Amino acid sequence: MNTAHIIVFGNEKGGSGKSTTAMHTAVALLRLGYKVGTIDLDARQGTLTRYMKNRFDFMKRSRKPILSPAHMAIQKSDADSVQEQRDEERNMLSLAMYELNHEECDFIVIDTPGTDSYLSRLGHTYADTLITPMNDSFIDLDLLASIEPDTYKVLGPSVYSRMVNDQRGLKKIRDNGDIDWIVLRNRLGHIDAKNKKLIGDLLGQIGAHAGFRTAPGFGERVIFKELFLKGLTLLDIKEDPDARLSLSELTARQEVRQLITAIAPEKIKGHVRPRVAAKSFGTGQAA
């Protein structure tokens, strides 16, 4: 049975763009010719699941098939005891992983809740690549490290960094694997402000100790909200007869390419796949 590379999107703070980034990553990998599955561990809020439903609804209305991942949503258990809840959630995630591997997925993209929970922590232990989107602010930075307010000295790891380190240890015990952790700077300001540079410098210091690398993420653009309602990504624009790419949206497509380059799927999979004809999403080309 094929063993997929697991990409987990995690951040214990909502509003960081996890689901949007996860969907764009999954579709980008599909368009490169890989077989992709997705799992939503936040089925109560279900942003990724609603995104996928909107995609299927769009296909139904337009009567046009669009490359889509195999998707599964896992509900939080409502069993009587904490141990029963954990056993049930662990079994549901294991079954979903087994089924997607049985389908010979090359990549499995997992979207986790924006809160601390057993199911979220369990999802992190499966990560081969962990992507943490964060807004470029000290509020989001506080999840990664404690910062001295007057001198901006990094005092030590904060709650999310400690949690990731714990799950790294569990992954090492279970399958002797490690996690390639990428912190994605979403919603960067377009002006190179002093605050932007300061956060970049602090992330460099924190990453050296916490074991993550940084990559540029997505800017704040209205197009992402509009595409969500249709279940589409920036790579599906050709499928929408009403869409017209502006300069801002062309720039956003470049941001998607930068993210996929940071993940480096061709290195991960060793050129064994893709098995499907790839579709281009380069600048100025239809996708």
Protein backbone atom coordinates (compact mmCIF):
# COMPACT_ATOMS: atom_id res chain seq x y z
CA MET A 1 0.00 0.00 0.00
CA ASN A 2 1.23 3.50 -0.85
CA THR A 3 2.41 5.69 2.04
CA ALA A 4 1.36 9.29 1.49
CA HIS A 5 3.32 12.35 2.58
CA ILE A 6 1.24 14.07 5.27
CA ILE A 7 0.94 17.86 5.24
CA VAL A 8 -0.73 19.21 8.39
CA PHE A 9 -1.99 22.78 8.70
CA GLY A 10 -1.92 23.80 12.33
CA ASN A 11 -2.26 26.90 14.47
CA GLU A 12 -4.09 27.26 17.78
CA LYS A 13 -5.47 30.63 16.74
CA GLY A 14 -8.39 31.06 14.36
CA GLY A 15 -8.40 33.48 11.44
CA SER A 16 -4.89 32.71 10.25
CA GLY A 17 -5.98 31.34 6.86
CA LYS A 18 -5.38 27.64 7.53
CA SER A 19 -8.29 26.30 5.49
CA THR A 20 -7.73 28.66 2.55
CA THR A 21 -4.05 27.74 2.43
CA ALA A 22 -4.80 24.02 2.83
CA MET A 23 -7.29 24.08 -0.07
CA HIS A 24 -4.90 25.95 -2.36
CA THR A 25 -2.11 23.54 -1.47
CA ALA A 26 -4.26 20.49 -2.21
CA VAL A 27 -5.43 21.87 -5.57
CA ALA A 28 -1.91 22.96 -6.53
CA LEU A 29 -0.60 19.44 -5.88
CA LEU A 30 -3.50 17.99 -7.90
CA ARG A 31 -2.62 20.25 -10.81
CA LEU A 32 0.98 19.08 -10.62
CA GLY A 33 -0.35 15.59 -11.27
CA TYR A 34 -0.29 14.13 -7.76
CA LYS A 35 -3.14 12.23 -6.17
CA VAL A 36 -4.33 14.11 -3.07
CA GLY A 37 -6.63 13.43 -0.15
CA THR A 38 -7.83 15.92 2.46
CA ILE A 39 -8.99 15.45 6.05
CA ASP A 40 -10.87 18.05 8.10
CA LEU A 41 -10.29 17.56 11.83
CA ASP A 42 -12.38 20.63 12.60
CA ALA A 43 -15.65 19.15 11.39
CA ARG A 44 -17.71 21.21 13.89
CA GLN A 45 -16.68 24.49 12.28
CA GLY A 46 -15.86 22.62 9.09
CA THR A 47 -14.38 25.42 7.00
CA LEU A 48 -12.44 23.06 4.73
CA THR A 49 -15.44 20.73 4.47
CA ARG A 50 -17.73 23.65 3.52
CA TYR A 51 -15.11 24.79 1.00
CA MET A 52 -15.20 21.31 -0.52
CA LYS A 53 -19.02 21.24 -0.53
CA ASN A 54 -19.06 24.59 -2.33
CA ARG A 55 -16.68 23.09 -4.90
CA PHE A 56 -18.95 20.13 -5.56
CA ASP A 57 -21.98 22.45 -5.76
CA PHE A 58 -20.13 24.58 -8.34
CA MET A 59 -19.43 21.48 -10.43
CA LYS A 60 -23.09 20.49 -10.22
CA ARG A 61 -24.26 23.93 -11.35
CA SER A 62 -21.69 24.33 -14.12
CA ARG A 63 -21.80 20.66 -15.15
CA LYS A 64 -18.04 20.82 -15.44
CA PRO A 65 -15.67 18.49 -13.56
CA ILE A 66 -12.80 20.13 -11.66
CA LEU A 67 -9.80 18.38 -10.16
CA SER A 68 -10.74 17.71 -6.54
CA PRO A 69 -9.16 15.76 -3.67
CA ALA A 70 -10.79 12.84 -1.93
CA HIS A 71 -12.17 14.46 1.22
CA MET A 72 -13.03 13.17 4.70
CA ALA A 73 -14.33 15.03 7.76
CA ILE A 74 -13.88 13.74 11.30
CA GLN A 75 -16.27 14.79 14.05
CA LYS A 76 -15.19 15.25 17.65
CA SER A 77 -16.34 12.22 19.63
CA ASP A 78 -19.25 12.59 22.04
CA ALA A 79 -18.53 9.33 23.88
CA ASP A 80 -19.20 9.23 27.63
CA SER A 81 -15.64 9.21 28.98
CA VAL A 82 -12.52 11.11 27.94
CA GLN A 83 -10.70 7.85 27.25
CA GLU A 84 -13.55 6.58 25.06
CA GLN A 85 -13.57 9.89 23.17
CA ARG A 86 -9.85 9.67 22.53
CA ASP A 87 -10.03 6.03 21.45
CA GLU A 88 -12.87 6.82 19.04
CA GLU A 89 -11.12 9.87 17.55
CA ARG A 90 -7.85 7.97 17.18
CA ASN A 91 -9.63 5.11 15.42
CA MET A 92 -11.53 7.47 13.08
CA LEU A 93 -8.34 9.27 12.06
CA SER A 94 -6.46 6.00 11.59
CA LEU A 95 -9.27 4.67 9.39
CA ALA A 96 -9.33 7.85 7.28
CA MET A 97 -5.56 7.68 6.83
CA TYR A 98 -5.78 3.99 5.90
CA GLU A 99 -8.50 4.60 3.30
CA LEU A 100 -6.63 7.50 1.65
CA ASN A 101 -3.41 5.50 1.58
CA HIS A 102 -5.38 2.57 0.13
CA GLU A 103 -6.48 4.97 -2.63
CA GLU A 104 -2.74 5.52 -3.27
CA CYS A 105 -2.76 9.21 -2.46
CA ASP A 106 0.65 10.83 -2.83
CA PHE A 107 -0.23 13.59 -0.37
CA ILE A 108 -2.75 13.86 2.45
CA VAL A 109 -3.55 17.43 3.55
CA ILE A 110 -4.96 17.71 7.09
CA ASP A 111 -6.69 20.85 8.41
CA THR A 112 -6.73 21.04 12.23
CA PRO A 113 -8.91 23.10 14.61
CA GLY A 114 -7.84 26.58 15.69
CA THR A 115 -7.93 25.42 19.31
CA ASP A 116 -6.00 22.93 21.41
CA SER A 117 -7.67 19.51 21.43
CA TYR A 118 -6.72 15.86 21.53
CA LEU A 119 -7.72 15.39 17.88
CA SER A 120 -5.60 18.36 16.80
CA ARG A 121 -2.57 17.12 18.73
CA LEU A 122 -3.06 13.64 17.30
CA GLY A 123 -3.15 15.07 13.78
CA HIS A 124 0.14 16.85 14.43
CA THR A 125 1.86 13.55 15.27
CA TYR A 126 1.20 12.36 11.71
CA ALA A 127 2.77 15.41 10.07
CA ASP A 128 5.71 14.91 7.74
CA THR A 129 5.36 18.60 6.90
CA LEU A 130 3.66 20.98 9.35
CA ILE A 131 2.56 24.36 7.98
CA THR A 132 1.59 27.04 10.48
CA PRO A 133 0.00 30.07 8.80
CA MET A 134 0.18 33.16 10.98
CA ASN A 135 -0.84 36.76 10.58
CA ASP A 136 2.13 39.12 10.73
CA SER A 137 1.37 40.38 14.23
CA PHE A 138 2.66 40.09 17.77
CA ILE A 139 -0.65 38.48 18.75
CA ASP A 140 0.07 35.50 16.50
CA LEU A 141 3.77 35.53 17.38
CA ASP A 142 2.81 35.06 21.04
CA LEU A 143 1.72 31.48 20.26
CA LEU A 144 5.28 30.65 19.21
CA ALA A 145 7.36 32.41 21.86
CA SER A 146 7.23 34.72 24.85
CA ILE A 147 8.67 38.14 23.95
CA GLU A 148 9.99 40.76 26.39
CA PRO A 149 7.88 43.85 25.53
CA ASP A 150 10.56 46.51 26.02
CA THR A 151 13.62 44.85 24.50
CA TYR A 152 11.88 42.31 22.20
CA LYS A 153 14.11 39.63 23.66
CA VAL A 154 12.90 36.07 23.04
CA LEU A 155 12.32 34.62 26.51
CA GLY A 156 11.36 31.09 25.52
CA PRO A 157 8.86 28.91 23.67
CA SER A 158 5.14 29.55 24.07
CA VAL A 159 2.17 27.17 24.12
CA TYR A 160 2.04 26.14 20.46
CA SER A 161 5.80 25.65 20.08
CA ARG A 162 5.82 23.46 23.18
CA MET A 163 2.89 21.44 21.86
CA VAL A 164 4.61 20.87 18.49
CA ASN A 165 7.77 19.79 20.28
CA ASP A 166 5.75 17.27 22.32
CA GLN A 167 4.14 15.82 19.18
CA ARG A 168 7.55 15.63 17.49
CA GLY A 169 8.65 13.42 20.35
CA LEU A 170 5.61 11.15 19.98
CA LYS A 171 6.15 10.89 16.21
CA LYS A 172 9.78 9.95 16.79
CA ILE A 173 8.73 7.18 19.16
CA ARG A 174 5.98 5.87 16.87
CA ASP A 175 7.71 5.78 13.48
CA ASN A 176 11.17 7.30 14.02
CA GLY A 177 10.12 10.24 11.83
CA ASP A 178 10.59 13.99 12.10
CA ILE A 179 8.46 17.00 11.22
CA ASP A 180 9.53 19.62 8.69
CA TRP A 181 7.90 22.68 10.26
CA ILE A 182 7.18 25.72 8.08
CA VAL A 183 5.78 28.96 9.54
CA LEU A 184 3.90 30.79 6.83
CA ARG A 185 3.68 34.58 7.11
CA ASN A 186 0.15 35.26 5.85
CA ARG A 187 -1.40 38.70 5.25
CA LEU A 188 1.93 40.47 5.01
CA GLY A 189 1.65 44.23 4.56
CA HIS A 190 2.66 45.52 1.16
CA ILE A 191 4.86 48.21 2.71
CA ASP A 192 8.17 47.10 4.23
CA ALA A 193 7.35 48.59 7.61
CA LYS A 194 9.58 48.49 10.68
CA ASN A 195 7.12 46.13 12.41
CA LYS A 196 7.28 43.70 9.48
CA LYS A 197 11.09 43.57 9.65
CA LEU A 198 11.05 43.18 13.44
CA ILE A 199 8.68 40.21 13.28
CA GLY A 200 10.81 38.65 10.55
CA ASP A 201 13.93 38.99 12.72
CA LEU A 202 12.14 37.52 15.74
CA LEU A 203 10.83 34.59 13.69
CA GLY A 204 14.39 33.87 12.60
CA GLN A 205 15.53 33.74 16.22
CA ILE A 206 12.56 31.64 17.39
CA GLY A 207 12.85 29.24 14.44
CA ALA A 208 16.50 28.54 15.19
CA HIS A 209 15.49 27.24 18.64
CA ALA A 210 12.04 25.80 17.90
CA GLY A 211 13.11 24.06 14.69
CA PHE A 212 11.00 25.72 12.01
CA ARG A 213 11.74 27.59 8.81
CA THR A 214 9.70 30.47 7.43
CA ALA A 215 8.10 31.05 4.04
CA PRO A 216 6.01 33.89 2.58
CA GLY A 217 2.28 33.22 2.62
CA PHE A 218 -0.77 34.88 1.11
CA GLY A 219 -1.63 38.57 1.17
CA GLU A 220 -4.98 39.90 2.38
CA ARG A 221 -7.22 39.86 -0.69
CA VAL A 222 -10.99 39.91 -1.17
CA ILE A 223 -10.67 37.29 -3.94
CA PHE A 224 -10.08 34.53 -1.36
CA LYS A 225 -13.47 35.15 0.26
CA GLU A 226 -15.20 35.24 -3.12
CA LEU A 227 -13.54 32.02 -4.28
CA PHE A 228 -14.54 30.23 -1.06
CA LEU A 229 -18.22 30.74 -1.83
CA LYS A 230 -17.74 29.01 -5.18
CA GLY A 231 -15.41 26.34 -3.83
CA LEU A 232 -12.68 27.49 -6.19
CA THR A 233 -9.03 28.44 -5.79
CA LEU A 234 -6.85 30.88 -7.67
CA LEU A 235 -5.75 27.91 -9.76
CA ASP A 236 -9.32 27.26 -10.96
CA ILE A 237 -10.01 30.67 -12.46
CA LYS A 238 -10.37 29.25 -15.96
CA GLU A 239 -13.29 27.13 -14.72
CA ASP A 240 -15.31 30.22 -13.72
CA PRO A 241 -16.71 32.07 -16.76
CA ASP A 242 -17.35 35.21 -14.68
CA ALA A 243 -13.81 35.50 -13.31
CA ARG A 244 -11.16 37.89 -14.59
CA LEU A 245 -7.67 37.88 -13.17
CA SER A 246 -6.48 41.27 -11.97
CA LEU A 247 -2.84 42.15 -11.34
CA SER A 248 -3.42 41.55 -7.63
CA GLU A 249 -4.77 38.07 -8.31
CA LEU A 250 -1.91 37.22 -10.63
CA THR A 251 0.39 38.18 -7.76
CA ALA A 252 -1.62 35.92 -5.47
CA ARG A 253 -1.09 32.98 -7.86
CA GLN A 254 2.62 33.64 -7.57
CA GLU A 255 2.25 33.34 -3.79
CA VAL A 256 0.69 29.90 -4.27
CA ARG A 257 3.65 28.83 -6.42
CA GLN A 258 6.07 30.08 -3.75
CA LEU A 259 4.32 27.99 -1.13
CA ILE A 260 4.47 24.83 -3.23
CA THR A 261 8.15 25.52 -3.93
CA ALA A 262 8.75 25.78 -0.17
CA ILE A 263 7.06 22.40 0.35
CA ALA A 264 9.12 21.00 -2.57
CA PRO A 265 6.83 18.06 -3.50
CA GLU A 266 9.14 16.87 -6.30
CA LYS A 267 11.90 16.30 -3.74
CA ILE A 268 9.54 14.68 -1.24
CA LYS A 269 8.19 12.13 -3.70
CA GLY A 270 11.49 11.52 -5.43
CA HIS A 271 9.99 11.93 -8.93
CA VAL A 272 8.24 8.53 -8.59
CA ARG A 273 4.99 10.26 -9.42
CA PRO A 274 2.90 12.10 -10.64
CA ARG A 275 0.83 9.56 -12.51
CA VAL A 276 -1.69 12.08 -13.89
CA ALA A 277 -1.07 14.65 -16.63
CA ALA A 278 -0.07 17.85 -14.86
CA LYS A 279 -1.79 21.16 -15.59
CA SER A 280 0.16 24.42 -15.55
CA PHE A 281 -0.56 27.22 -13.11
CA GLY A 282 2.24 29.50 -14.22
CA THR A 283 1.94 33.24 -14.70
CA GLY A 284 -0.06 34.14 -17.78
CA GLN A 285 -1.15 30.56 -18.43
CA ALA A 286 -4.61 29.17 -18.10
CA ALA A 287 -5.27 26.83 -15.23
